[in-house]
Protein backbone atom coordinates (compact mmCIF):
# COMPACT_ATOMS: atom_id res chain seq x y z
CA MET A 1 67.20 48.55 31.54
CA ARG A 2 67.35 50.27 28.19
CA ASN A 3 65.07 49.78 25.22
CA TYR A 4 66.46 48.91 21.81
CA GLU A 5 65.04 48.14 18.40
CA VAL A 6 67.10 45.79 16.26
CA VAL A 7 66.20 45.41 12.60
CA PHE A 8 67.87 42.83 10.41
CA VAL A 9 67.44 41.67 6.83
CA ALA A 10 67.95 37.99 6.07
CA ALA A 11 68.64 36.48 2.65
CA PRO A 12 65.57 35.48 0.62
CA THR A 13 67.02 32.00 0.08
CA LEU A 14 66.10 31.00 3.64
CA THR A 15 63.05 28.89 4.32
CA SER A 16 60.51 30.09 6.86
CA GLU A 17 61.62 27.34 9.28
CA GLU A 18 65.25 28.46 9.07
CA LEU A 19 64.24 32.07 9.65
CA ASP A 20 62.08 31.13 12.65
CA SER A 21 64.91 29.07 14.14
CA PHE A 22 67.32 32.00 13.73
CA ILE A 23 64.85 34.36 15.41
CA SER A 24 64.49 31.97 18.35
CA HIS A 25 68.29 31.67 18.47
CA ALA A 26 68.55 35.49 18.61
CA GLN A 27 66.03 35.53 21.46
CA SER A 28 68.05 32.96 23.40
CA VAL A 29 71.23 35.03 22.88
CA VAL A 30 69.52 38.11 24.32
CA GLU A 31 68.10 36.15 27.25
CA SER A 32 71.52 34.63 28.01
CA LYS A 33 72.85 38.18 28.49
CA ASN A 34 70.04 39.08 30.94
CA GLY A 35 67.95 40.83 28.32
CA LYS A 36 64.34 40.39 27.31
CA VAL A 37 62.82 40.31 23.84
CA VAL A 38 59.60 42.27 24.24
CA LYS A 39 58.28 41.95 20.70
CA VAL A 40 59.21 40.15 17.49
CA ASP A 41 57.79 41.65 14.32
CA ASN A 42 58.40 39.60 11.18
CA TRP A 43 57.59 41.80 8.17
CA GLY A 44 58.18 39.00 5.68
CA LYS A 45 59.89 39.19 2.31
CA LYS A 46 60.23 42.73 0.93
CA SER A 47 62.13 44.15 -2.00
CA LEU A 48 65.32 46.04 -1.22
CA ALA A 49 65.99 49.58 -2.39
CA TYR A 50 69.18 48.43 -4.10
CA LYS A 51 71.09 45.20 -4.62
CA ILE A 52 72.92 43.87 -1.57
CA LYS A 53 75.18 40.84 -2.05
CA ARG A 54 73.41 40.03 -5.32
CA PHE A 55 69.98 39.98 -3.62
CA ARG A 56 67.05 42.17 -4.61
CA GLU A 57 64.77 41.01 -1.74
CA GLY A 58 65.12 40.00 1.88
CA TYR A 59 63.22 39.00 5.00
CA TYR A 60 62.81 41.94 7.38
CA VAL A 61 62.58 41.26 11.13
CA VAL A 62 62.27 43.81 13.96
CA LEU A 63 63.14 42.87 17.54
CA SER A 64 62.17 45.12 20.47
CA ILE A 65 64.61 44.39 23.28
CA GLU A 66 64.96 45.47 26.91
CA GLY A 67 68.47 45.00 28.18
CA ASP A 68 71.92 46.47 28.38
CA GLY A 69 74.62 47.01 25.81
CA SER A 70 76.25 43.62 26.26
CA ALA A 71 73.19 41.80 24.91
CA ILE A 72 73.09 44.05 21.85
CA ALA A 73 76.84 43.72 21.29
CA GLU A 74 76.63 39.92 21.36
CA LEU A 75 73.63 39.94 19.02
CA GLU A 76 75.45 42.20 16.55
CA ARG A 77 78.51 39.95 16.71
CA ARG A 78 76.31 36.98 15.79
CA PHE A 79 74.81 38.97 12.91
CA ARG A 80 78.29 39.73 11.54
CA VAL A 81 79.41 36.09 11.46
CA THR A 82 76.14 34.75 10.02
CA ASP A 83 76.30 34.50 6.24
CA TYR A 84 72.61 34.87 5.49
CA ILE A 85 72.17 38.14 7.43
CA ILE A 86 72.46 40.84 4.77
CA ARG A 87 72.11 44.00 6.90
CA PHE A 88 71.27 44.94 10.48
CA ILE A 89 70.91 48.04 12.61
CA SER A 90 70.43 48.53 16.35
CA VAL A 91 68.87 51.70 17.73
CA ARG A 92 68.43 52.76 21.34
CA VAL A 93 64.89 54.11 21.61
CA ASP A 94 64.44 54.87 25.31
CA GLU A 95 65.97 58.35 25.01
CA ASP A 96 63.58 59.15 22.17
CA LEU A 97 60.64 57.91 24.24
CA LYS A 98 61.68 60.14 27.15
CA ARG A 99 62.03 63.12 24.82
CA SER A 100 58.60 62.54 23.27
CA GLU A 101 57.00 62.23 26.74
CA LYS A 102 58.53 65.59 27.73
CA ILE A 103 57.14 67.20 24.58
CA LYS A 104 53.68 65.73 25.20
CA ALA A 105 53.71 66.99 28.79
CA ALA A 106 54.70 70.48 27.66
CA ARG A 107 51.91 70.52 25.07
CA ARG A 108 49.36 69.42 27.67
CA LYS A 109 50.57 72.18 29.97
CA LYS A 110 50.24 74.82 27.23
CA ALA A 111 46.82 73.65 26.06
CA PRO A 112 43.90 75.80 27.17
CA LYS A 113 41.73 74.49 29.96
CA GLN A 114 38.29 73.04 29.16
CA GLY A 115 36.49 75.67 31.26
CA PHE A 116 38.08 78.57 29.34
CA GLU A 117 35.59 81.28 28.35
CA SER A 118 36.44 83.70 25.58
CA PRO A 119 35.80 87.43 26.09
CA ILE A 120 33.80 87.54 22.85
CA SER A 121 31.12 85.19 24.17
CA ALA A 122 30.78 87.32 27.34
CA GLU A 123 30.07 90.44 25.22
CA ASN A 124 27.43 88.59 23.21
CA GLU A 125 25.56 87.68 26.37
CA GLN A 126 25.19 91.39 27.32
CA MET A 127 23.75 92.43 23.95
CA PRO A 128 20.00 92.15 23.50
CA PRO A 129 18.87 89.58 20.92
CA MET A 130 18.28 90.87 17.41
CA GLU A 131 14.87 90.53 15.85
CA LEU A 132 14.74 89.57 12.23
CA ASP A 133 11.80 90.23 9.95
CA LEU A 134 11.47 87.51 7.40
């Protein structure tokens, strides 16, 4: 199973009930293709960076999905034929997660051990303590 993040922007003319029903429809599409929606993150209505189809705002929704390419392909096809979906993007994130885990492991390997003693502290232990007259 691969991990994907799918972000889509819906038109601001939708009601919250219509948006929720579309999100549940998207989940059922993914599950029909043997996928699993791990997390749904509804960011709400945000302003767009530029006008898209005469809209200045849109509802942003992020779906975290575990599945194969067929589930994502079907979901993207549904996005294309739905009028109130302004933009969407699908990104495969499992390769990035693997890469970041490798980097973390390499950093842990390079990091000095907790019991490391510097040579400077060993020299200081051999010197007699200094007496200060105040």
